[in-house]
Amino acid sequence: MTPTMTILYVDNTRISASFYQQLFDHTPVEVSDTFGLFVLPSGLVLGLWSRHTVEPATSITGGGCELAIRTTDPTQVDATFATWQNLGVTVLQPPINAEFGRTFAIADPDGHRIRVFNPPA
């Protein structure tokens, strides 16, 4: 078996769904007050579950892991950063050259980290 879905616990599913819709330029297949669902072109299924209604209950909030997005070349890292910065995202790390390649990191409204990277050739 292999994992096929990531679920993030969010404060407000509608706000988070709107954020990810803008970020990924992709419409969710479901949005309610308790859950949002994206089926992304990469095959990843991203769920947004209200942390107020998740069962079993949790006290976990954002920032404990990263959604990582690999680009095809380093210029895409910078282009994506410029596009997302224009959306007013919270920048955690502007583009840098790290040991694992060109990268930057942002946070969603709940503090979940999103990293875009391109590994060295």
N, C-alpha and C. Protein backbone atom coordinates (compact mmCIF):
# COMPACT_ATOMS: atom_id res chain seq x y z
N MET A 1 0.83 -1.19 0.00
CA MET A 1 0.00 0.00 0.00
C MET A 1 0.88 1.25 0.00
N THR A 2 0.40 2.30 -0.63
CA THR A 2 1.10 3.58 -0.63
C THR A 2 0.14 4.70 -0.27
N PRO A 3 0.63 5.69 0.46
CA PRO A 3 -0.24 6.82 0.81
C PRO A 3 -0.69 7.56 -0.45
N THR A 4 -1.93 8.01 -0.45
CA THR A 4 -2.48 8.73 -1.59
C THR A 4 -3.10 10.06 -1.22
N MET A 5 -3.17 10.34 0.09
CA MET A 5 -3.87 11.55 0.52
C MET A 5 -3.17 12.16 1.72
N THR A 6 -3.14 13.48 1.74
CA THR A 6 -2.66 14.24 2.89
C THR A 6 -3.82 15.06 3.41
N ILE A 7 -4.01 15.04 4.73
CA ILE A 7 -5.07 15.83 5.35
C ILE A 7 -4.42 16.83 6.30
N LEU A 8 -4.78 18.10 6.14
CA LEU A 8 -4.32 19.15 7.04
C LEU A 8 -5.48 19.57 7.93
N TYR A 9 -5.21 19.73 9.21
CA TYR A 9 -6.22 20.24 10.13
C TYR A 9 -6.18 21.75 10.08
N VAL A 10 -7.33 22.36 9.80
CA VAL A 10 -7.40 23.80 9.58
C VAL A 10 -8.46 24.43 10.48
N ASP A 11 -8.31 25.71 10.72
CA ASP A 11 -9.27 26.43 11.55
C ASP A 11 -10.57 26.69 10.80
N ASN A 12 -10.48 27.07 9.53
CA ASN A 12 -11.65 27.41 8.73
C ASN A 12 -11.47 26.80 7.35
N THR A 13 -12.24 25.78 7.04
CA THR A 13 -12.05 25.06 5.78
C THR A 13 -12.32 25.95 4.56
N ARG A 14 -13.25 26.85 4.66
CA ARG A 14 -13.56 27.70 3.51
C ARG A 14 -12.41 28.68 3.22
N ILE A 15 -11.83 29.26 4.27
CA ILE A 15 -10.68 30.16 4.09
C ILE A 15 -9.50 29.38 3.53
N SER A 16 -9.24 28.20 4.08
CA SER A 16 -8.11 27.40 3.61
C SER A 16 -8.33 26.92 2.18
N ALA A 17 -9.55 26.52 1.84
CA ALA A 17 -9.84 26.09 0.47
C ALA A 17 -9.61 27.23 -0.52
N SER A 18 -10.03 28.42 -0.16
CA SER A 18 -9.80 29.58 -1.01
C SER A 18 -8.31 29.85 -1.19
N PHE A 19 -7.55 29.76 -0.10
CA PHE A 19 -6.10 29.95 -0.15
C PHE A 19 -5.46 28.96 -1.13
N TYR A 20 -5.76 27.67 -0.96
CA TYR A 20 -5.14 26.66 -1.82
C TYR A 20 -5.65 26.74 -3.26
N GLN A 21 -6.89 27.16 -3.45
CA GLN A 21 -7.39 27.34 -4.81
C GLN A 21 -6.59 28.41 -5.53
N GLN A 22 -6.30 29.52 -4.85
CA GLN A 22 -5.47 30.57 -5.45
C GLN A 22 -4.04 30.09 -5.67
N LEU A 23 -3.50 29.41 -4.67
CA LEU A 23 -2.12 28.97 -4.73
C LEU A 23 -1.89 27.99 -5.88
N PHE A 24 -2.76 26.99 -5.98
CA PHE A 24 -2.59 25.93 -6.97
C PHE A 24 -3.35 26.18 -8.27
N ASP A 25 -4.14 27.27 -8.32
CA ASP A 25 -4.96 27.55 -9.49
C ASP A 25 -5.77 26.31 -9.87
N HIS A 26 -6.40 25.74 -8.85
CA HIS A 26 -7.16 24.50 -9.02
C HIS A 26 -8.39 24.54 -8.11
N THR A 27 -9.54 24.18 -8.65
CA THR A 27 -10.79 24.24 -7.91
C THR A 27 -10.96 23.00 -7.04
N PRO A 28 -11.36 23.18 -5.79
CA PRO A 28 -11.61 22.00 -4.94
C PRO A 28 -12.82 21.22 -5.47
N VAL A 29 -12.83 19.91 -5.22
CA VAL A 29 -13.97 19.10 -5.62
C VAL A 29 -15.05 19.10 -4.56
N GLU A 30 -14.70 19.55 -3.35
CA GLU A 30 -15.67 19.62 -2.26
C GLU A 30 -15.23 20.69 -1.28
N VAL A 31 -16.19 21.48 -0.79
CA VAL A 31 -15.92 22.44 0.28
C VAL A 31 -17.18 22.56 1.13
N SER A 32 -17.01 22.37 2.44
CA SER A 32 -18.10 22.58 3.39
C SER A 32 -17.51 23.27 4.61
N ASP A 33 -18.32 23.45 5.63
CA ASP A 33 -17.81 24.08 6.85
C ASP A 33 -16.84 23.18 7.61
N THR A 34 -16.88 21.88 7.31
CA THR A 34 -16.03 20.95 8.06
C THR A 34 -14.93 20.29 7.24
N PHE A 35 -15.03 20.33 5.90
CA PHE A 35 -14.05 19.61 5.09
C PHE A 35 -13.93 20.23 3.70
N GLY A 36 -12.72 20.24 3.18
CA GLY A 36 -12.45 20.64 1.81
C GLY A 36 -11.58 19.58 1.16
N LEU A 37 -11.72 19.40 -0.16
CA LEU A 37 -10.98 18.35 -0.84
C LEU A 37 -10.52 18.81 -2.22
N PHE A 38 -9.24 18.63 -2.46
CA PHE A 38 -8.64 18.89 -3.77
C PHE A 38 -8.10 17.58 -4.32
N VAL A 39 -8.32 17.34 -5.60
CA VAL A 39 -7.67 16.25 -6.32
C VAL A 39 -6.76 16.95 -7.32
N LEU A 40 -5.46 16.95 -7.03
CA LEU A 40 -4.50 17.73 -7.81
C LEU A 40 -3.99 16.95 -9.02
N PRO A 41 -3.56 17.66 -10.07
CA PRO A 41 -3.08 16.99 -11.28
C PRO A 41 -1.94 15.99 -11.03
N SER A 42 -1.16 16.21 -9.98
CA SER A 42 -0.06 15.29 -9.67
C SER A 42 -0.56 13.95 -9.15
N GLY A 43 -1.85 13.89 -8.79
CA GLY A 43 -2.41 12.69 -8.20
C GLY A 43 -2.59 12.81 -6.70
N LEU A 44 -1.98 13.81 -6.09
CA LEU A 44 -2.13 14.02 -4.66
C LEU A 44 -3.56 14.46 -4.36
N VAL A 45 -4.13 13.87 -3.34
CA VAL A 45 -5.43 14.30 -2.84
C VAL A 45 -5.14 15.05 -1.54
N LEU A 46 -5.58 16.31 -1.48
CA LEU A 46 -5.34 17.16 -0.33
C LEU A 46 -6.66 17.43 0.36
N GLY A 47 -6.76 16.98 1.61
CA GLY A 47 -7.95 17.22 2.40
C GLY A 47 -7.69 18.32 3.42
N LEU A 48 -8.69 19.12 3.66
CA LEU A 48 -8.65 20.19 4.66
C LEU A 48 -9.78 19.92 5.64
N TRP A 49 -9.44 19.46 6.84
CA TRP A 49 -10.44 19.04 7.81
C TRP A 49 -10.45 20.03 8.96
N SER A 50 -11.62 20.49 9.32
CA SER A 50 -11.75 21.42 10.43
C SER A 50 -11.18 20.81 11.69
N ARG A 51 -10.23 21.49 12.30
CA ARG A 51 -9.63 20.95 13.54
C ARG A 51 -10.64 20.96 14.68
N HIS A 52 -11.76 21.63 14.47
CA HIS A 52 -12.81 21.68 15.49
C HIS A 52 -13.75 20.48 15.42
N THR A 53 -13.73 19.76 14.28
CA THR A 53 -14.65 18.63 14.12
C THR A 53 -13.94 17.31 13.82
N VAL A 54 -12.62 17.33 13.67
CA VAL A 54 -11.90 16.10 13.34
C VAL A 54 -12.09 15.07 14.46
N GLU A 55 -12.25 13.82 14.05
CA GLU A 55 -12.41 12.73 15.01
C GLU A 55 -11.38 11.66 14.71
N PRO A 56 -10.65 11.20 15.69
CA PRO A 56 -10.65 11.65 17.06
C PRO A 56 -10.08 13.07 17.15
N ALA A 57 -10.50 13.79 18.18
CA ALA A 57 -10.08 15.18 18.38
C ALA A 57 -8.56 15.29 18.45
N THR A 58 -8.05 16.43 18.03
CA THR A 58 -6.61 16.67 18.06
C THR A 58 -6.32 18.08 18.57
N SER A 59 -5.15 18.25 19.12
CA SER A 59 -4.71 19.58 19.53
C SER A 59 -3.62 20.10 18.61
N ILE A 60 -3.29 19.33 17.58
CA ILE A 60 -2.23 19.69 16.65
C ILE A 60 -2.67 20.85 15.77
N THR A 61 -1.77 21.80 15.57
CA THR A 61 -2.00 22.90 14.63
C THR A 61 -0.88 22.87 13.59
N GLY A 62 -0.87 23.80 12.67
CA GLY A 62 0.06 23.80 11.55
C GLY A 62 1.52 23.97 11.92
N GLY A 63 2.37 23.64 10.96
CA GLY A 63 3.80 23.87 11.10
C GLY A 63 4.62 22.64 11.43
N GLY A 64 3.99 21.50 11.67
CA GLY A 64 4.72 20.31 12.07
C GLY A 64 5.26 19.49 10.91
N CYS A 65 4.91 19.87 9.68
CA CYS A 65 5.41 19.16 8.49
C CYS A 65 5.35 20.13 7.31
N GLU A 66 5.77 19.68 6.16
CA GLU A 66 5.75 20.53 4.96
C GLU A 66 5.09 19.80 3.81
N LEU A 67 4.34 20.52 3.02
CA LEU A 67 3.95 20.05 1.70
C LEU A 67 5.09 20.46 0.79
N ALA A 68 5.71 19.53 0.13
CA ALA A 68 6.86 19.83 -0.71
C ALA A 68 6.47 19.70 -2.18
N ILE A 69 6.83 20.70 -2.95
CA ILE A 69 6.50 20.75 -4.37
C ILE A 69 7.80 20.85 -5.16
N ARG A 70 8.08 19.84 -5.95
CA ARG A 70 9.31 19.80 -6.76
C ARG A 70 9.05 20.44 -8.12
N THR A 71 9.96 21.32 -8.53
CA THR A 71 9.84 21.95 -9.84
C THR A 71 10.78 21.27 -10.83
N THR A 72 10.59 21.59 -12.10
CA THR A 72 11.43 20.97 -13.13
C THR A 72 12.76 21.69 -13.34
N ASP A 73 12.83 22.95 -12.91
CA ASP A 73 14.11 23.67 -13.00
C ASP A 73 14.13 24.81 -11.98
N PRO A 74 15.34 25.31 -11.65
CA PRO A 74 15.45 26.32 -10.60
C PRO A 74 14.74 27.64 -10.92
N THR A 75 14.59 27.99 -12.19
CA THR A 75 13.92 29.24 -12.51
C THR A 75 12.44 29.18 -12.13
N GLN A 76 11.87 27.98 -12.12
CA GLN A 76 10.48 27.81 -11.70
C GLN A 76 10.30 28.12 -10.22
N VAL A 77 11.34 27.87 -9.43
CA VAL A 77 11.28 28.19 -8.01
C VAL A 77 11.07 29.69 -7.85
N ASP A 78 11.91 30.47 -8.53
CA ASP A 78 11.82 31.93 -8.42
C ASP A 78 10.53 32.48 -9.01
N ALA A 79 10.09 31.91 -10.13
CA ALA A 79 8.85 32.37 -10.76
C ALA A 79 7.65 32.07 -9.86
N THR A 80 7.62 30.89 -9.26
CA THR A 80 6.53 30.54 -8.35
C THR A 80 6.54 31.45 -7.14
N PHE A 81 7.73 31.74 -6.60
CA PHE A 81 7.82 32.64 -5.45
C PHE A 81 7.23 34.01 -5.80
N ALA A 82 7.59 34.55 -6.96
CA ALA A 82 7.10 35.87 -7.36
C ALA A 82 5.57 35.86 -7.49
N THR A 83 5.02 34.81 -8.10
CA THR A 83 3.57 34.70 -8.27
C THR A 83 2.88 34.61 -6.92
N TRP A 84 3.37 33.75 -6.05
CA TRP A 84 2.73 33.56 -4.76
C TRP A 84 2.91 34.77 -3.85
N GLN A 85 4.05 35.44 -3.95
CA GLN A 85 4.26 36.64 -3.14
C GLN A 85 3.23 37.71 -3.51
N ASN A 86 2.88 37.79 -4.79
CA ASN A 86 1.85 38.74 -5.23
C ASN A 86 0.47 38.40 -4.68
N LEU A 87 0.27 37.15 -4.23
CA LEU A 87 -0.99 36.75 -3.60
C LEU A 87 -1.03 37.14 -2.12
N GLY A 88 0.11 37.63 -1.61
CA GLY A 88 0.17 38.06 -0.21
C GLY A 88 0.41 36.94 0.78
N VAL A 89 1.06 35.86 0.34
CA VAL A 89 1.32 34.74 1.25
C VAL A 89 2.30 35.14 2.35
N THR A 90 2.32 34.37 3.42
CA THR A 90 3.28 34.56 4.49
C THR A 90 4.58 33.85 4.10
N VAL A 91 5.63 34.62 3.89
CA VAL A 91 6.91 34.05 3.48
C VAL A 91 7.70 33.65 4.72
N LEU A 92 8.07 32.38 4.78
CA LEU A 92 8.91 31.89 5.87
C LEU A 92 10.38 31.93 5.49
N GLN A 93 10.66 31.71 4.20
CA GLN A 93 12.03 31.71 3.71
C GLN A 93 12.00 32.13 2.24
N PRO A 94 12.62 33.26 1.90
CA PRO A 94 12.68 33.64 0.49
C PRO A 94 13.58 32.67 -0.27
N PRO A 95 13.58 32.71 -1.59
CA PRO A 95 14.41 31.78 -2.36
C PRO A 95 15.88 31.83 -1.95
N ILE A 96 16.43 30.65 -1.74
CA ILE A 96 17.85 30.49 -1.42
C ILE A 96 18.38 29.26 -2.14
N ASN A 97 19.68 29.15 -2.21
CA ASN A 97 20.33 27.93 -2.67
C ASN A 97 20.73 27.14 -1.44
N ALA A 98 20.05 26.02 -1.20
CA ALA A 98 20.32 25.16 -0.06
C ALA A 98 21.08 23.92 -0.52
N GLU A 99 21.48 23.12 0.42
CA GLU A 99 22.21 21.89 0.11
C GLU A 99 21.41 20.99 -0.84
N PHE A 100 20.08 21.02 -0.70
CA PHE A 100 19.23 20.16 -1.53
C PHE A 100 18.67 20.87 -2.76
N GLY A 101 19.17 22.11 -3.05
CA GLY A 101 18.76 22.81 -4.26
C GLY A 101 18.15 24.17 -3.99
N ARG A 102 17.61 24.76 -5.04
CA ARG A 102 16.95 26.07 -4.95
C ARG A 102 15.61 25.87 -4.25
N THR A 103 15.27 26.75 -3.31
CA THR A 103 14.06 26.51 -2.52
C THR A 103 13.54 27.79 -1.89
N PHE A 104 12.26 27.77 -1.51
CA PHE A 104 11.66 28.78 -0.64
C PHE A 104 10.54 28.11 0.14
N ALA A 105 10.08 28.77 1.20
CA ALA A 105 9.00 28.22 2.01
C ALA A 105 8.02 29.33 2.39
N ILE A 106 6.73 28.98 2.37
CA ILE A 106 5.66 29.88 2.80
C ILE A 106 4.80 29.15 3.82
N ALA A 107 3.84 29.86 4.40
CA ALA A 107 2.89 29.24 5.32
C ALA A 107 1.47 29.53 4.86
N ASP A 108 0.58 28.57 5.09
CA ASP A 108 -0.83 28.79 4.80
C ASP A 108 -1.47 29.51 5.99
N PRO A 109 -2.76 29.82 5.94
CA PRO A 109 -3.39 30.57 7.04
C PRO A 109 -3.30 29.90 8.41
N ASP A 110 -3.07 28.58 8.44
CA ASP A 110 -2.97 27.85 9.70
C ASP A 110 -1.53 27.57 10.13
N GLY A 111 -0.57 28.05 9.35
CA GLY A 111 0.83 27.83 9.68
C GLY A 111 1.44 26.57 9.08
N HIS A 112 0.67 25.85 8.23
CA HIS A 112 1.24 24.69 7.55
C HIS A 112 2.28 25.20 6.55
N ARG A 113 3.43 24.54 6.54
CA ARG A 113 4.52 24.96 5.65
C ARG A 113 4.36 24.36 4.26
N ILE A 114 4.66 25.18 3.26
CA ILE A 114 4.66 24.75 1.87
C ILE A 114 6.03 25.10 1.31
N ARG A 115 6.76 24.10 0.84
CA ARG A 115 8.11 24.31 0.31
C ARG A 115 8.12 24.00 -1.18
N VAL A 116 8.69 24.90 -1.95
CA VAL A 116 8.93 24.67 -3.37
C VAL A 116 10.43 24.51 -3.52
N PHE A 117 10.84 23.51 -4.29
CA PHE A 117 12.28 23.25 -4.43
C PHE A 117 12.61 22.66 -5.78
N ASN A 118 13.87 22.79 -6.14
CA ASN A 118 14.41 22.11 -7.31
C ASN A 118 15.77 21.55 -6.92
N PRO A 119 15.93 20.23 -6.92
CA PRO A 119 17.19 19.64 -6.50
C PRO A 119 18.32 19.96 -7.49
N PRO A 120 19.55 19.96 -7.00
CA PRO A 120 20.68 20.23 -7.90
C PRO A 120 20.79 19.14 -8.96
N ALA A 121 21.36 19.52 -10.09
CA ALA A 121 21.50 18.57 -11.22
C ALA A 121 22.42 17.43 -10.87
